[in-house]
N, C-alpha and C. Protein backbone atom coordinates (compact mmCIF):
# COMPACT_ATOMS: atom_id res chain seq x y z
N MET A 1 -36.97 -28.61 101.77
CA MET A 1 -37.67 -28.59 103.04
C MET A 1 -39.13 -29.03 102.87
N LEU A 2 -39.71 -28.75 101.72
CA LEU A 2 -41.09 -29.16 101.47
C LEU A 2 -41.21 -30.68 101.52
N LYS A 3 -40.24 -31.37 100.92
CA LYS A 3 -40.27 -32.83 100.93
C LYS A 3 -40.25 -33.35 102.37
N GLU A 4 -39.36 -32.80 103.19
CA GLU A 4 -39.24 -33.24 104.58
C GLU A 4 -40.54 -32.98 105.34
N LEU A 5 -41.17 -31.83 105.09
CA LEU A 5 -42.43 -31.51 105.76
C LEU A 5 -43.53 -32.50 105.36
N LEU A 6 -43.62 -32.81 104.08
CA LEU A 6 -44.63 -33.78 103.64
C LEU A 6 -44.38 -35.16 104.25
N LEU A 7 -43.12 -35.57 104.33
CA LEU A 7 -42.81 -36.86 104.94
C LEU A 7 -43.14 -36.85 106.43
N TYR A 8 -42.87 -35.73 107.10
CA TYR A 8 -43.19 -35.62 108.52
C TYR A 8 -44.70 -35.73 108.74
N ILE A 9 -45.47 -35.04 107.93
CA ILE A 9 -46.93 -35.09 108.06
C ILE A 9 -47.43 -36.51 107.81
N ALA A 10 -46.87 -37.17 106.80
CA ALA A 10 -47.25 -38.55 106.52
C ALA A 10 -46.94 -39.45 107.71
N ALA A 11 -45.75 -39.29 108.27
CA ALA A 11 -45.35 -40.13 109.40
C ALA A 11 -46.23 -39.87 110.62
N MET A 12 -46.58 -38.62 110.86
CA MET A 12 -47.40 -38.31 112.04
C MET A 12 -48.80 -38.90 111.92
N SER A 13 -49.26 -39.15 110.71
CA SER A 13 -50.60 -39.70 110.54
C SER A 13 -50.68 -41.17 110.94
N ILE A 14 -49.54 -41.85 111.06
CA ILE A 14 -49.57 -43.27 111.43
C ILE A 14 -48.61 -43.59 112.56
N LYS A 15 -48.22 -42.59 113.36
CA LYS A 15 -47.25 -42.83 114.43
C LYS A 15 -47.82 -43.83 115.45
N PRO A 16 -46.93 -44.57 116.12
CA PRO A 16 -47.40 -45.48 117.17
C PRO A 16 -48.23 -44.73 118.21
N GLN A 17 -49.24 -45.38 118.72
CA GLN A 17 -50.23 -44.72 119.57
C GLN A 17 -49.65 -44.08 120.84
N ASN A 18 -48.60 -44.66 121.41
CA ASN A 18 -48.10 -44.11 122.67
C ASN A 18 -47.06 -43.00 122.48
N ILE A 19 -46.81 -42.58 121.26
CA ILE A 19 -45.89 -41.48 121.02
C ILE A 19 -46.71 -40.20 120.93
N ARG A 20 -46.56 -39.34 121.91
CA ARG A 20 -47.31 -38.09 121.96
C ARG A 20 -46.35 -36.94 122.27
N PRO A 21 -45.60 -36.47 121.28
CA PRO A 21 -44.67 -35.38 121.56
C PRO A 21 -45.43 -34.09 121.88
N THR A 22 -44.89 -33.34 122.81
CA THR A 22 -45.47 -32.05 123.15
C THR A 22 -44.98 -31.01 122.14
N VAL A 23 -45.58 -29.84 122.17
CA VAL A 23 -45.14 -28.75 121.30
C VAL A 23 -43.69 -28.42 121.60
N LYS A 24 -43.32 -28.42 122.88
CA LYS A 24 -41.93 -28.12 123.26
C LYS A 24 -40.98 -29.18 122.70
N ASP A 25 -41.38 -30.45 122.75
CA ASP A 25 -40.56 -31.53 122.20
C ASP A 25 -40.33 -31.31 120.70
N VAL A 26 -41.41 -31.01 120.00
CA VAL A 26 -41.30 -30.81 118.55
C VAL A 26 -40.42 -29.60 118.25
N GLU A 27 -40.60 -28.53 119.03
CA GLU A 27 -39.80 -27.33 118.83
C GLU A 27 -38.32 -27.63 119.04
N LEU A 28 -37.98 -28.36 120.11
CA LEU A 28 -36.59 -28.70 120.36
C LEU A 28 -36.04 -29.61 119.26
N ALA A 29 -36.84 -30.57 118.84
CA ALA A 29 -36.41 -31.47 117.77
C ALA A 29 -36.13 -30.69 116.49
N LEU A 30 -37.01 -29.73 116.18
CA LEU A 30 -36.81 -28.91 114.99
C LEU A 30 -35.54 -28.07 115.10
N ARG A 31 -35.25 -27.58 116.30
CA ARG A 31 -34.02 -26.81 116.50
C ARG A 31 -32.79 -27.69 116.27
N ILE A 32 -32.84 -28.90 116.80
CA ILE A 32 -31.71 -29.82 116.61
C ILE A 32 -31.56 -30.15 115.13
N LEU A 33 -32.68 -30.43 114.46
CA LEU A 33 -32.61 -30.75 113.04
C LEU A 33 -32.14 -29.55 112.22
N LEU A 34 -32.57 -28.35 112.58
CA LEU A 34 -32.11 -27.15 111.88
C LEU A 34 -30.61 -26.96 112.11
N ALA A 35 -30.17 -27.15 113.35
CA ALA A 35 -28.73 -27.05 113.64
C ALA A 35 -27.97 -28.07 112.80
N ASP A 36 -28.50 -29.27 112.71
CA ASP A 36 -27.89 -30.33 111.91
C ASP A 36 -27.77 -29.89 110.45
N GLN A 37 -28.83 -29.29 109.91
CA GLN A 37 -28.82 -28.84 108.52
C GLN A 37 -27.84 -27.68 108.32
N LEU A 38 -27.76 -26.76 109.27
CA LEU A 38 -26.83 -25.64 109.15
C LEU A 38 -25.39 -26.13 109.15
N MET A 39 -25.10 -27.13 109.99
CA MET A 39 -23.75 -27.70 110.01
C MET A 39 -23.47 -28.45 108.72
N ASP A 40 -24.46 -29.19 108.24
CA ASP A 40 -24.29 -30.05 107.08
C ASP A 40 -24.23 -29.25 105.78
N LYS A 41 -25.23 -28.44 105.53
CA LYS A 41 -25.35 -27.76 104.23
C LYS A 41 -24.53 -26.47 104.13
N LEU A 42 -24.41 -25.74 105.24
CA LEU A 42 -23.71 -24.46 105.20
C LEU A 42 -22.36 -24.48 105.89
N ASN A 43 -22.00 -25.65 106.44
CA ASN A 43 -20.72 -25.83 107.14
C ASN A 43 -20.52 -24.82 108.27
N TRP A 44 -21.61 -24.50 108.97
CA TRP A 44 -21.50 -23.60 110.11
C TRP A 44 -20.72 -24.30 111.22
N PRO A 45 -19.85 -23.58 111.91
CA PRO A 45 -19.14 -24.20 113.04
C PRO A 45 -20.06 -24.37 114.24
N ALA A 46 -19.70 -25.30 115.11
CA ALA A 46 -20.52 -25.57 116.30
C ALA A 46 -20.67 -24.32 117.16
N SER A 47 -19.65 -23.46 117.21
CA SER A 47 -19.75 -22.24 118.04
C SER A 47 -20.87 -21.33 117.54
N ALA A 48 -21.03 -21.22 116.24
CA ALA A 48 -22.12 -20.39 115.69
C ALA A 48 -23.47 -21.03 115.98
N ILE A 49 -23.54 -22.34 115.87
CA ILE A 49 -24.79 -23.04 116.17
C ILE A 49 -25.14 -22.86 117.63
N LYS A 50 -24.15 -22.95 118.51
CA LYS A 50 -24.39 -22.80 119.95
C LYS A 50 -24.94 -21.41 120.28
N ARG A 51 -24.44 -20.38 119.60
CA ARG A 51 -24.96 -19.02 119.84
C ARG A 51 -26.40 -18.90 119.35
N LEU A 52 -26.71 -19.56 118.24
CA LEU A 52 -28.05 -19.51 117.67
C LEU A 52 -29.05 -20.31 118.50
N PHE A 53 -28.60 -21.45 119.05
CA PHE A 53 -29.47 -22.34 119.83
C PHE A 53 -28.84 -22.61 121.20
N PRO A 54 -28.87 -21.63 122.10
CA PRO A 54 -28.18 -21.81 123.39
C PRO A 54 -28.77 -22.92 124.25
N ASP A 55 -30.02 -23.34 123.97
CA ASP A 55 -30.65 -24.38 124.80
C ASP A 55 -30.30 -25.80 124.33
N VAL A 56 -29.55 -25.93 123.24
CA VAL A 56 -29.11 -27.25 122.80
C VAL A 56 -27.78 -27.54 123.47
N PRO A 57 -27.74 -28.55 124.35
CA PRO A 57 -26.51 -28.83 125.11
C PRO A 57 -25.30 -29.11 124.22
N GLY A 58 -24.11 -28.76 124.74
CA GLY A 58 -22.87 -28.93 123.99
C GLY A 58 -22.61 -30.36 123.57
N ASN A 59 -22.95 -31.32 124.44
CA ASN A 59 -22.71 -32.72 124.08
C ASN A 59 -23.57 -33.14 122.88
N ILE A 60 -24.75 -32.54 122.78
CA ILE A 60 -25.62 -32.81 121.63
C ILE A 60 -24.97 -32.25 120.36
N LEU A 61 -24.43 -31.04 120.45
CA LEU A 61 -23.78 -30.45 119.28
C LEU A 61 -22.55 -31.25 118.88
N LYS A 62 -21.79 -31.71 119.88
CA LYS A 62 -20.59 -32.50 119.58
C LYS A 62 -20.96 -33.79 118.85
N GLU A 63 -21.99 -34.47 119.32
CA GLU A 63 -22.44 -35.69 118.66
C GLU A 63 -23.00 -35.36 117.29
N GLY A 64 -23.71 -34.24 117.19
CA GLY A 64 -24.23 -33.81 115.89
C GLY A 64 -23.11 -33.56 114.89
N MET A 65 -22.03 -32.96 115.34
CA MET A 65 -20.87 -32.74 114.46
C MET A 65 -20.28 -34.08 114.03
N SER A 66 -20.22 -35.01 114.96
CA SER A 66 -19.70 -36.34 114.65
C SER A 66 -20.56 -37.03 113.60
N ILE A 67 -21.87 -36.89 113.75
CA ILE A 67 -22.79 -37.49 112.78
C ILE A 67 -22.62 -36.82 111.42
N GLN A 68 -22.41 -35.50 111.41
CA GLN A 68 -22.26 -34.79 110.15
C GLN A 68 -20.99 -35.19 109.41
N GLU A 69 -19.99 -35.68 110.13
CA GLU A 69 -18.80 -36.18 109.46
C GLU A 69 -19.16 -37.31 108.51
N LEU A 70 -20.25 -38.02 108.83
CA LEU A 70 -20.71 -39.08 107.94
C LEU A 70 -21.17 -38.51 106.60
N SER A 71 -21.75 -37.30 106.64
CA SER A 71 -22.17 -36.66 105.39
C SER A 71 -20.97 -36.42 104.48
N PHE A 72 -19.84 -36.06 105.07
CA PHE A 72 -18.65 -35.82 104.26
C PHE A 72 -18.17 -37.12 103.62
N ARG A 73 -18.38 -38.24 104.30
CA ARG A 73 -18.01 -39.54 103.72
C ARG A 73 -18.88 -39.85 102.52
N GLN A 74 -20.10 -39.27 102.48
CA GLN A 74 -20.98 -39.52 101.34
C GLN A 74 -20.51 -38.79 100.08
N LYS A 75 -19.50 -37.97 100.19
CA LYS A 75 -18.93 -37.32 99.02
C LYS A 75 -17.90 -38.22 98.33
N LYS A 76 -17.55 -39.34 98.97
CA LYS A 76 -16.60 -40.29 98.41
C LYS A 76 -17.33 -41.49 97.85
N VAL A 77 -16.75 -42.09 96.84
CA VAL A 77 -17.31 -43.33 96.31
C VAL A 77 -16.84 -44.47 97.21
N LEU A 78 -17.80 -45.17 97.79
CA LEU A 78 -17.52 -46.29 98.68
C LEU A 78 -18.18 -47.54 98.11
N SER A 79 -17.89 -48.68 98.70
CA SER A 79 -18.59 -49.90 98.29
C SER A 79 -20.06 -49.77 98.66
N GLU A 80 -20.88 -50.62 98.09
CA GLU A 80 -22.31 -50.59 98.39
C GLU A 80 -22.55 -50.79 99.89
N ALA A 81 -21.84 -51.75 100.50
CA ALA A 81 -22.02 -52.02 101.93
C ALA A 81 -21.61 -50.82 102.78
N GLU A 82 -20.50 -50.18 102.42
CA GLU A 82 -20.04 -49.01 103.17
C GLU A 82 -20.99 -47.83 102.99
N THR A 83 -21.47 -47.64 101.78
CA THR A 83 -22.41 -46.56 101.49
C THR A 83 -23.69 -46.74 102.30
N LEU A 84 -24.19 -47.97 102.33
CA LEU A 84 -25.39 -48.28 103.10
C LEU A 84 -25.16 -48.04 104.58
N LYS A 85 -24.01 -48.47 105.10
CA LYS A 85 -23.70 -48.28 106.52
C LYS A 85 -23.63 -46.80 106.89
N VAL A 86 -23.04 -45.99 106.01
CA VAL A 86 -22.96 -44.55 106.28
C VAL A 86 -24.36 -43.97 106.41
N SER A 87 -25.24 -44.30 105.47
CA SER A 87 -26.62 -43.78 105.53
C SER A 87 -27.33 -44.25 106.78
N MET A 88 -27.20 -45.54 107.08
CA MET A 88 -27.89 -46.07 108.26
C MET A 88 -27.35 -45.45 109.54
N ASP A 89 -26.03 -45.32 109.64
CA ASP A 89 -25.45 -44.73 110.85
C ASP A 89 -25.82 -43.26 110.99
N LYS A 90 -25.86 -42.55 109.88
CA LYS A 90 -26.22 -41.13 109.92
C LYS A 90 -27.63 -40.96 110.49
N GLY A 91 -28.59 -41.68 109.95
CA GLY A 91 -29.96 -41.58 110.44
C GLY A 91 -30.14 -42.21 111.81
N GLY A 92 -29.53 -43.36 112.01
CA GLY A 92 -29.68 -44.08 113.27
C GLY A 92 -29.10 -43.33 114.45
N ARG A 93 -27.89 -42.81 114.29
CA ARG A 93 -27.26 -42.07 115.39
C ARG A 93 -27.98 -40.77 115.69
N LEU A 94 -28.48 -40.10 114.64
CA LEU A 94 -29.24 -38.87 114.87
C LEU A 94 -30.52 -39.17 115.64
N MET A 95 -31.20 -40.26 115.31
CA MET A 95 -32.44 -40.61 116.01
C MET A 95 -32.16 -41.00 117.47
N ILE A 96 -31.07 -41.70 117.71
CA ILE A 96 -30.69 -42.02 119.11
C ILE A 96 -30.46 -40.72 119.87
N LEU A 97 -29.77 -39.79 119.24
CA LEU A 97 -29.50 -38.49 119.86
C LEU A 97 -30.80 -37.76 120.20
N LEU A 98 -31.72 -37.69 119.25
CA LEU A 98 -33.01 -37.03 119.50
C LEU A 98 -33.80 -37.77 120.58
N ASN A 99 -33.79 -39.08 120.54
CA ASN A 99 -34.51 -39.90 121.51
C ASN A 99 -34.01 -39.61 122.93
N ARG A 100 -32.70 -39.56 123.09
CA ARG A 100 -32.13 -39.30 124.43
C ARG A 100 -32.36 -37.86 124.87
N PHE A 101 -32.15 -36.90 123.95
CA PHE A 101 -32.29 -35.49 124.28
C PHE A 101 -33.73 -35.15 124.65
N LEU A 102 -34.67 -35.68 123.90
CA LEU A 102 -36.08 -35.39 124.15
C LEU A 102 -36.73 -36.34 125.15
N LYS A 103 -35.93 -37.31 125.61
CA LYS A 103 -36.42 -38.29 126.60
C LYS A 103 -37.71 -38.96 126.12
N LEU A 104 -37.67 -39.46 124.89
CA LEU A 104 -38.85 -40.09 124.31
C LEU A 104 -39.09 -41.49 124.85
N GLY A 105 -38.08 -42.10 125.44
CA GLY A 105 -38.27 -43.39 126.08
C GLY A 105 -38.20 -44.59 125.16
N GLU A 106 -37.76 -44.39 123.93
CA GLU A 106 -37.61 -45.52 123.02
C GLU A 106 -36.26 -46.19 123.28
N SER A 107 -36.16 -47.46 122.95
CA SER A 107 -34.88 -48.15 123.10
C SER A 107 -33.91 -47.60 122.05
N ASP A 108 -32.62 -47.67 122.36
CA ASP A 108 -31.62 -47.23 121.38
C ASP A 108 -31.74 -48.06 120.10
N ARG A 109 -32.07 -49.32 120.24
CA ARG A 109 -32.21 -50.19 119.06
C ARG A 109 -33.34 -49.70 118.15
N ASP A 110 -34.51 -49.43 118.75
CA ASP A 110 -35.63 -48.91 117.95
C ASP A 110 -35.26 -47.55 117.35
N ALA A 111 -34.66 -46.69 118.15
CA ALA A 111 -34.29 -45.36 117.66
C ALA A 111 -33.32 -45.48 116.48
N TYR A 112 -32.33 -46.35 116.61
CA TYR A 112 -31.34 -46.51 115.54
C TYR A 112 -32.01 -46.98 114.24
N TYR A 113 -32.80 -48.04 114.32
CA TYR A 113 -33.38 -48.59 113.10
C TYR A 113 -34.48 -47.72 112.50
N VAL A 114 -35.24 -47.01 113.33
CA VAL A 114 -36.22 -46.06 112.79
C VAL A 114 -35.47 -44.91 112.11
N GLY A 115 -34.40 -44.44 112.73
CA GLY A 115 -33.59 -43.39 112.12
C GLY A 115 -32.92 -43.84 110.83
N ALA A 116 -32.43 -45.07 110.81
CA ALA A 116 -31.82 -45.62 109.60
C ALA A 116 -32.86 -45.69 108.48
N PHE A 117 -34.05 -46.15 108.83
CA PHE A 117 -35.15 -46.21 107.87
C PHE A 117 -35.47 -44.81 107.34
N ALA A 118 -35.58 -43.84 108.24
CA ALA A 118 -35.89 -42.46 107.84
C ALA A 118 -34.81 -41.92 106.90
N GLN A 119 -33.55 -42.22 107.18
CA GLN A 119 -32.47 -41.74 106.32
C GLN A 119 -32.53 -42.40 104.93
N LEU A 120 -32.86 -43.67 104.90
CA LEU A 120 -32.99 -44.34 103.60
C LEU A 120 -34.16 -43.76 102.81
N ILE A 121 -35.25 -43.44 103.50
CA ILE A 121 -36.38 -42.78 102.82
C ILE A 121 -35.92 -41.42 102.27
N ASP A 122 -35.18 -40.68 103.09
CA ASP A 122 -34.66 -39.39 102.65
C ASP A 122 -33.74 -39.55 101.44
N ASP A 123 -32.86 -40.54 101.49
CA ASP A 123 -31.96 -40.79 100.35
C ASP A 123 -32.75 -41.16 99.10
N TYR A 124 -33.79 -41.93 99.27
CA TYR A 124 -34.64 -42.33 98.13
C TYR A 124 -35.31 -41.10 97.50
N VAL A 125 -35.91 -40.28 98.36
CA VAL A 125 -36.64 -39.10 97.87
C VAL A 125 -35.69 -38.08 97.26
N ASP A 126 -34.48 -37.97 97.80
CA ASP A 126 -33.53 -36.94 97.36
C ASP A 126 -32.52 -37.43 96.32
N VAL A 127 -32.82 -38.52 95.64
CA VAL A 127 -31.84 -39.09 94.71
C VAL A 127 -31.38 -38.08 93.65
N LEU A 128 -32.28 -37.29 93.10
CA LEU A 128 -31.88 -36.31 92.08
C LEU A 128 -31.01 -35.22 92.68
N LYS A 129 -31.40 -34.73 93.83
CA LYS A 129 -30.63 -33.69 94.52
C LYS A 129 -29.25 -34.21 94.92
N ASP A 130 -29.21 -35.42 95.47
CA ASP A 130 -27.93 -35.99 95.89
C ASP A 130 -26.99 -36.16 94.70
N ARG A 131 -27.52 -36.63 93.58
CA ARG A 131 -26.69 -36.76 92.38
C ARG A 131 -26.13 -35.40 91.96
N ALA A 132 -27.00 -34.40 91.94
CA ALA A 132 -26.59 -33.06 91.52
C ALA A 132 -25.54 -32.47 92.45
N GLU A 133 -25.63 -32.79 93.75
CA GLU A 133 -24.69 -32.23 94.74
C GLU A 133 -23.48 -33.13 94.98
N GLY A 134 -23.41 -34.26 94.28
CA GLY A 134 -22.24 -35.13 94.40
C GLY A 134 -22.23 -36.04 95.62
N PHE A 135 -23.41 -36.29 96.20
CA PHE A 135 -23.49 -37.23 97.32
C PHE A 135 -23.73 -38.63 96.78
N HIS A 136 -23.10 -39.60 97.42
CA HIS A 136 -23.20 -40.99 96.99
C HIS A 136 -24.06 -41.76 97.99
N THR A 137 -25.15 -42.33 97.49
CA THR A 137 -26.02 -43.17 98.31
C THR A 137 -26.28 -44.46 97.53
N VAL A 138 -26.95 -45.40 98.16
CA VAL A 138 -27.27 -46.64 97.44
C VAL A 138 -28.23 -46.36 96.29
N PHE A 139 -28.96 -45.27 96.36
CA PHE A 139 -29.90 -44.92 95.29
C PHE A 139 -29.20 -44.22 94.13
N THR A 140 -28.15 -43.44 94.41
CA THR A 140 -27.44 -42.74 93.35
C THR A 140 -26.42 -43.63 92.66
N ASP A 141 -25.81 -44.56 93.39
CA ASP A 141 -24.67 -45.32 92.85
C ASP A 141 -24.92 -46.80 92.63
N TYR A 142 -25.90 -47.37 93.29
CA TYR A 142 -26.05 -48.83 93.24
C TYR A 142 -27.43 -49.29 92.77
N ASN A 143 -28.11 -48.42 92.03
CA ASN A 143 -29.37 -48.77 91.38
C ASN A 143 -30.45 -49.29 92.33
N TRP A 144 -30.42 -48.82 93.56
CA TRP A 144 -31.53 -49.17 94.45
C TRP A 144 -32.77 -48.43 93.95
N ASP A 145 -33.91 -49.09 94.06
CA ASP A 145 -35.19 -48.48 93.72
C ASP A 145 -36.15 -48.75 94.88
N TYR A 146 -37.39 -48.41 94.68
CA TYR A 146 -38.37 -48.57 95.76
C TYR A 146 -38.49 -50.04 96.19
N ASP A 147 -38.52 -50.95 95.22
CA ASP A 147 -38.65 -52.38 95.56
C ASP A 147 -37.47 -52.87 96.38
N LYS A 148 -36.28 -52.42 96.04
CA LYS A 148 -35.08 -52.83 96.81
C LYS A 148 -35.14 -52.23 98.22
N LEU A 149 -35.63 -51.00 98.33
CA LEU A 149 -35.80 -50.37 99.65
C LEU A 149 -36.77 -51.19 100.50
N VAL A 150 -37.89 -51.59 99.92
CA VAL A 150 -38.88 -52.38 100.66
C VAL A 150 -38.28 -53.72 101.07
N LYS A 151 -37.60 -54.39 100.16
CA LYS A 151 -37.00 -55.69 100.46
C LYS A 151 -35.97 -55.57 101.59
N PHE A 152 -35.10 -54.57 101.51
CA PHE A 152 -34.10 -54.35 102.55
C PHE A 152 -34.78 -54.05 103.89
N THR A 153 -35.80 -53.22 103.84
CA THR A 153 -36.53 -52.86 105.06
C THR A 153 -37.14 -54.10 105.69
N GLN A 154 -37.77 -54.94 104.89
CA GLN A 154 -38.39 -56.16 105.41
C GLN A 154 -37.36 -57.14 105.97
N GLU A 155 -36.20 -57.23 105.33
CA GLU A 155 -35.20 -58.23 105.73
C GLU A 155 -34.26 -57.76 106.83
N VAL A 156 -33.99 -56.46 106.89
CA VAL A 156 -32.98 -55.97 107.84
C VAL A 156 -33.56 -55.04 108.89
N ILE A 157 -34.34 -54.06 108.49
CA ILE A 157 -34.84 -53.05 109.44
C ILE A 157 -35.93 -53.65 110.33
N VAL A 158 -36.97 -54.17 109.72
CA VAL A 158 -38.15 -54.64 110.48
C VAL A 158 -37.81 -55.70 111.53
N PRO A 159 -36.98 -56.71 111.23
CA PRO A 159 -36.68 -57.71 112.25
C PRO A 159 -35.97 -57.14 113.49
N ASN A 160 -35.37 -55.98 113.37
CA ASN A 160 -34.66 -55.37 114.49
C ASN A 160 -35.51 -54.39 115.29
N LEU A 161 -36.76 -54.24 114.94
CA LEU A 161 -37.65 -53.28 115.61
C LEU A 161 -38.62 -53.99 116.54
N SER A 162 -39.08 -53.25 117.54
CA SER A 162 -40.16 -53.74 118.39
C SER A 162 -41.45 -53.76 117.56
N GLN A 163 -42.46 -54.45 118.05
CA GLN A 163 -43.70 -54.64 117.29
C GLN A 163 -44.34 -53.33 116.85
N LYS A 164 -44.42 -52.34 117.74
CA LYS A 164 -45.10 -51.09 117.36
C LYS A 164 -44.38 -50.38 116.22
N TRP A 165 -43.06 -50.44 116.19
CA TRP A 165 -42.31 -49.78 115.13
C TRP A 165 -42.31 -50.61 113.86
N ARG A 166 -42.38 -51.93 113.98
CA ARG A 166 -42.51 -52.76 112.78
C ARG A 166 -43.76 -52.36 112.01
N GLN A 167 -44.85 -52.25 112.74
CA GLN A 167 -46.13 -51.88 112.13
C GLN A 167 -46.03 -50.50 111.48
N PHE A 168 -45.43 -49.55 112.18
CA PHE A 168 -45.29 -48.19 111.66
C PHE A 168 -44.51 -48.18 110.35
N VAL A 169 -43.36 -48.83 110.34
CA VAL A 169 -42.49 -48.82 109.17
C VAL A 169 -43.18 -49.46 107.96
N MET A 170 -43.77 -50.62 108.17
CA MET A 170 -44.41 -51.30 107.05
C MET A 170 -45.65 -50.53 106.55
N GLU A 171 -46.41 -49.98 107.49
CA GLU A 171 -47.58 -49.19 107.08
C GLU A 171 -47.14 -47.95 106.31
N PHE A 172 -46.06 -47.32 106.75
CA PHE A 172 -45.55 -46.14 106.06
C PHE A 172 -45.18 -46.49 104.61
N LEU A 173 -44.46 -47.59 104.43
CA LEU A 173 -44.05 -48.00 103.08
C LEU A 173 -45.25 -48.30 102.18
N LEU A 174 -46.24 -48.98 102.75
CA LEU A 174 -47.40 -49.35 101.96
C LEU A 174 -48.30 -48.16 101.65
N ARG A 175 -48.55 -47.36 102.67
CA ARG A 175 -49.49 -46.25 102.52
C ARG A 175 -48.94 -45.12 101.65
N TYR A 176 -47.64 -44.89 101.72
CA TYR A 176 -47.07 -43.72 101.06
C TYR A 176 -46.17 -44.04 99.87
N LYS A 177 -46.33 -45.21 99.29
CA LYS A 177 -45.54 -45.60 98.13
C LYS A 177 -45.65 -44.56 97.01
N ASN A 178 -46.85 -44.18 96.64
CA ASN A 178 -47.04 -43.22 95.55
C ASN A 178 -46.53 -41.83 95.90
N LEU A 179 -46.73 -41.42 97.16
CA LEU A 179 -46.22 -40.12 97.59
C LEU A 179 -44.69 -40.09 97.50
N LEU A 180 -44.04 -41.15 97.97
CA LEU A 180 -42.59 -41.20 97.93
C LEU A 180 -42.07 -41.15 96.50
N LYS A 181 -42.72 -41.88 95.61
CA LYS A 181 -42.30 -41.88 94.21
C LYS A 181 -42.52 -40.50 93.59
N MET A 182 -43.59 -39.84 93.96
CA MET A 182 -43.85 -38.50 93.43
C MET A 182 -42.82 -37.50 93.98
N LEU A 183 -42.52 -37.59 95.28
CA LEU A 183 -41.54 -36.67 95.88
C LEU A 183 -40.18 -36.82 95.23
N GLN A 184 -39.85 -38.04 94.83
CA GLN A 184 -38.56 -38.30 94.20
C GLN A 184 -38.41 -37.53 92.89
N THR A 185 -39.51 -37.26 92.22
CA THR A 185 -39.45 -36.60 90.92
C THR A 185 -39.52 -35.07 90.99
N LEU A 186 -39.78 -34.54 92.20
CA LEU A 186 -39.87 -33.08 92.33
C LEU A 186 -38.51 -32.44 92.05
N PRO A 187 -38.52 -31.25 91.49
CA PRO A 187 -37.24 -30.57 91.24
C PRO A 187 -36.51 -30.33 92.55
N ILE A 188 -35.23 -30.25 92.44
CA ILE A 188 -34.36 -30.06 93.60
C ILE A 188 -34.78 -28.82 94.33
């Protein structure tokens, strides 16, 4: 959780200027993310999550469960392209879900690719933990490193984003290169 908090703080320092989440927005987003983690890491059923977070609509939980099924696919060895798609879909679909639920007003395309980028950053930072827990990502199985992440981001993610998000993503990679590499080495 410390790694995620540091990444969140880093991202908030360079967020696009017109993104101004309220405290309520952040609180709801954290509840959705916590529900996501409870389903993913502890295999809590949706009914238990619904009792814990009654203000999270059922359709959000259903989509969240669907997204978490992607995590189970990460326990299997897949081709590099399939492994990459699972990571991108997991982050992209979750970001679309948050974007719609919180009414942030971003396009689904921007939400998907920002979410995919965030998931790849998470996979990069958590490579040691993912290996230890038996999760397969492009970083654990296909020798992706920071340079490959940057190259992929420049060639695939950035061209699919609007200008404000292009700037955010590239600035994040440049500004926080050392932080990301340091977070990757922290104990699980």
